[in-house]
PDB file of N, CA and C in Angstrom:
ATOM      1  N   MET A   1       0.845  -1.195   0.000  1.00  0.00           N
ATOM      2  CA  MET A   1       0.000   0.000   0.000  1.00  0.00           C
ATOM      3  C   MET A   1       0.880   1.244   0.000  1.00  0.00           C
ATOM      4  N   ASN A   2       0.680   2.103  -0.984  1.00  0.00           N
ATOM      5  CA  ASN A   2       1.520   3.302  -1.060  1.00  0.00           C
ATOM      6  C   ASN A   2       0.981   4.418  -0.170  1.00  0.00           C
ATOM      7  N   SER A   3       1.719   5.502  -0.092  1.00  0.00           N
ATOM      8  CA  SER A   3       1.366   6.595   0.824  1.00  0.00           C
ATOM      9  C   SER A   3       0.024   7.235   0.466  1.00  0.00           C
ATOM     10  N   ARG A   4      -0.282   7.297  -0.841  1.00  0.00           N
ATOM     11  CA  ARG A   4      -1.558   7.895  -1.241  1.00  0.00           C
ATOM     12  C   ARG A   4      -2.723   7.048  -0.751  1.00  0.00           C
ATOM     13  N   GLN A   5      -2.595   5.724  -0.914  1.00  0.00           N
ATOM     14  CA  GLN A   5      -3.650   4.824  -0.435  1.00  0.00           C
ATOM     15  C   GLN A   5      -3.776   4.909   1.081  1.00  0.00           C
ATOM     16  N   ALA A   6      -2.639   4.990   1.768  1.00  0.00           N
ATOM     17  CA  ALA A   6      -2.648   5.084   3.230  1.00  0.00           C
ATOM     18  C   ALA A   6      -3.368   6.363   3.660  1.00  0.00           C
ATOM     19  N   ALA A   7      -3.122   7.451   2.947  1.00  0.00           N
ATOM     20  CA  ALA A   7      -3.773   8.716   3.270  1.00  0.00           C
ATOM     21  C   ALA A   7      -5.277   8.616   3.040  1.00  0.00           C
ATOM     22  N   MET A   8      -5.673   7.920   1.974  1.00  0.00           N
ATOM     23  CA  MET A   8      -7.091   7.727   1.681  1.00  0.00           C
ATOM     24  C   MET A   8      -7.756   6.951   2.796  1.00  0.00           C
ATOM     25  N   VAL A   9      -7.108   5.870   3.231  1.00  0.00           N
ATOM     26  CA  VAL A   9      -7.658   5.041   4.304  1.00  0.00           C
ATOM     27  C   VAL A   9      -7.785   5.854   5.580  1.00  0.00           C
ATOM     28  N   LYS A  10      -6.764   6.646   5.870  1.00  0.00           N
ATOM     29  CA  LYS A  10      -6.805   7.468   7.088  1.00  0.00           C
ATOM     30  C   LYS A  10      -7.944   8.474   7.008  1.00  0.00           C
ATOM     31  N   LEU A  11      -8.136   9.068   5.840  1.00  0.00           N
ATOM     32  CA  LEU A  11      -9.210  10.037   5.664  1.00  0.00           C
ATOM     33  C   LEU A  11     -10.569   9.370   5.836  1.00  0.00           C
ATOM     34  N   VAL A  12     -10.731   8.219   5.204  1.00  0.00           N
ATOM     35  CA  VAL A  12     -11.999   7.489   5.310  1.00  0.00           C
ATOM     36  C   VAL A  12     -12.259   7.077   6.750  1.00  0.00           C
ATOM     37  N   ASP A  13     -11.210   6.579   7.421  1.00  0.00           N
ATOM     38  CA  ASP A  13     -11.356   6.196   8.829  1.00  0.00           C
ATOM     39  C   ASP A  13     -11.803   7.400   9.660  1.00  0.00           C
ATOM     40  N   THR A  14     -11.202   8.556   9.406  1.00  0.00           N
ATOM     41  CA  THR A  14     -11.551   9.762  10.151  1.00  0.00           C
ATOM     42  C   THR A  14     -13.007  10.140   9.918  1.00  0.00           C
ATOM     43  N   LEU A  15     -13.434  10.060   8.652  1.00  0.00           N
ATOM     44  CA  LEU A  15     -14.817  10.403   8.328  1.00  0.00           C
ATOM     45  C   LEU A  15     -15.787   9.435   8.978  1.00  0.00           C
ATOM     46  N   LEU A  16     -15.463   8.144   8.913  1.00  0.00           N
ATOM     47  CA  LEU A  16     -16.352   7.134   9.486  1.00  0.00           C
ATOM     48  C   LEU A  16     -16.406   7.234  11.002  1.00  0.00           C
ATOM     49  N   LEU A  17     -15.231   7.433  11.617  1.00  0.00           N
ATOM     50  CA  LEU A  17     -15.196   7.538  13.075  1.00  0.00           C
ATOM     51  C   LEU A  17     -15.908   8.808  13.531  1.00  0.00           C
ATOM     52  N   GLY A  18     -15.899   9.827  12.682  1.00  0.00           N
ATOM     53  CA  GLY A  18     -16.576  11.068  13.014  1.00  0.00           C
ATOM     54  C   GLY A  18     -18.082  10.966  12.824  1.00  0.00           C
ATOM     55  N   SER A  19     -18.532   9.921  12.135  1.00  0.00           N
ATOM     56  CA  SER A  19     -19.958   9.728  11.898  1.00  0.00           C
ATOM     57  C   SER A  19     -20.630   9.058  13.083  1.00  0.00           C
ATOM     58  N   SER A  20     -21.889   8.763  12.912  1.00  0.00           N
ATOM     59  CA  SER A  20     -22.660   8.111  13.967  1.00  0.00           C
ATOM     60  C   SER A  20     -22.340   6.624  14.037  1.00  0.00           C
ATOM     61  N   ALA A  21     -22.976   5.931  14.964  1.00  0.00           N
ATOM     62  CA  ALA A  21     -22.694   4.514  15.193  1.00  0.00           C
ATOM     63  C   ALA A  21     -23.020   3.659  13.973  1.00  0.00           C
ATOM     64  N   ARG A  22     -23.925   4.109  13.118  1.00  0.00           N
ATOM     65  CA  ARG A  22     -24.297   3.303  11.958  1.00  0.00           C
ATOM     66  C   ARG A  22     -23.118   3.113  11.012  1.00  0.00           C
ATOM     67  N   ALA A  23     -22.129   4.007  11.090  1.00  0.00           N
ATOM     68  CA  ALA A  23     -20.959   3.905  10.226  1.00  0.00           C
ATOM     69  C   ALA A  23     -19.988   2.838  10.723  1.00  0.00           C
ATOM     70  N   SER A  24     -20.088   2.465  11.988  1.00  0.00           N
ATOM     71  CA  SER A  24     -19.144   1.500  12.557  1.00  0.00           C
ATOM     72  C   SER A  24     -19.212   0.156  11.844  1.00  0.00           C
ATOM     73  N   ARG A  25     -20.418  -0.263  11.451  1.00  0.00           N
ATOM     74  CA  ARG A  25     -20.550  -1.534  10.739  1.00  0.00           C
ATOM     75  C   ARG A  25     -19.865  -1.430   9.377  1.00  0.00           C
ATOM     76  N   PHE A  26     -20.076  -0.298   8.704  1.00  0.00           N
ATOM     77  CA  PHE A  26     -19.455  -0.094   7.407  1.00  0.00           C
ATOM     78  C   PHE A  26     -17.939  -0.039   7.544  1.00  0.00           C
ATOM     79  N   GLU A  27     -17.456   0.571   8.626  1.00  0.00           N
ATOM     80  CA  GLU A  27     -16.012   0.662   8.835  1.00  0.00           C
ATOM     81  C   GLU A  27     -15.402  -0.725   8.946  1.00  0.00           C
ATOM     82  N   SER A  28     -16.063  -1.605   9.699  1.00  0.00           N
ATOM     83  CA  SER A  28     -15.536  -2.960   9.869  1.00  0.00           C
ATOM     84  C   SER A  28     -15.512  -3.688   8.526  1.00  0.00           C
ATOM     85  N   GLU A  29     -16.541  -3.464   7.699  1.00  0.00           N
ATOM     86  CA  GLU A  29     -16.574  -4.082   6.374  1.00  0.00           C
ATOM     87  C   GLU A  29     -15.467  -3.503   5.506  1.00  0.00           C
ATOM     88  N   TRP A  30     -15.278  -2.170   5.587  1.00  0.00           N
ATOM     89  CA  TRP A  30     -14.252  -1.494   4.805  1.00  0.00           C
ATOM     90  C   TRP A  30     -12.867  -2.031   5.168  1.00  0.00           C
ATOM     91  N   ARG A  31     -12.607  -2.169   6.469  1.00  0.00           N
ATOM     92  CA  ARG A  31     -11.319  -2.697   6.920  1.00  0.00           C
ATOM     93  C   ARG A  31     -11.135  -4.132   6.430  1.00  0.00           C
ATOM     94  N   HIS A  32     -12.214  -4.895   6.404  1.00  0.00           N
ATOM     95  CA  HIS A  32     -12.134  -6.285   5.942  1.00  0.00           C
ATOM     96  C   HIS A  32     -11.740  -6.314   4.463  1.00  0.00           C
ATOM     97  N   VAL A  33     -12.265  -5.381   3.692  1.00  0.00           N
ATOM     98  CA  VAL A  33     -11.928  -5.309   2.265  1.00  0.00           C
ATOM     99  C   VAL A  33     -10.471  -4.896   2.082  1.00  0.00           C
ATOM    100  N   ILE A  34     -10.023  -3.896   2.858  1.00  0.00           N
ATOM    101  CA  ILE A  34      -8.655  -3.388   2.732  1.00  0.00           C
ATOM    102  C   ILE A  34      -7.631  -4.431   3.155  1.00  0.00           C
ATOM    103  N   TYR A  35      -7.861  -5.050   4.315  1.00  0.00           N
ATOM    104  CA  TYR A  35      -6.906  -6.015   4.834  1.00  0.00           C
ATOM    105  C   TYR A  35      -7.389  -7.404   4.584  1.00  0.00           C
TER     106      TYR A  35
END
């Protein structure tokens, strides 16, 4: 994973963590796709 992708993941994580609890399920799915 290059630095641009890492920055994208960090941004998405920040947005999701800043959202309501409904985003937590999506975050876990997103992490599953990434890793």
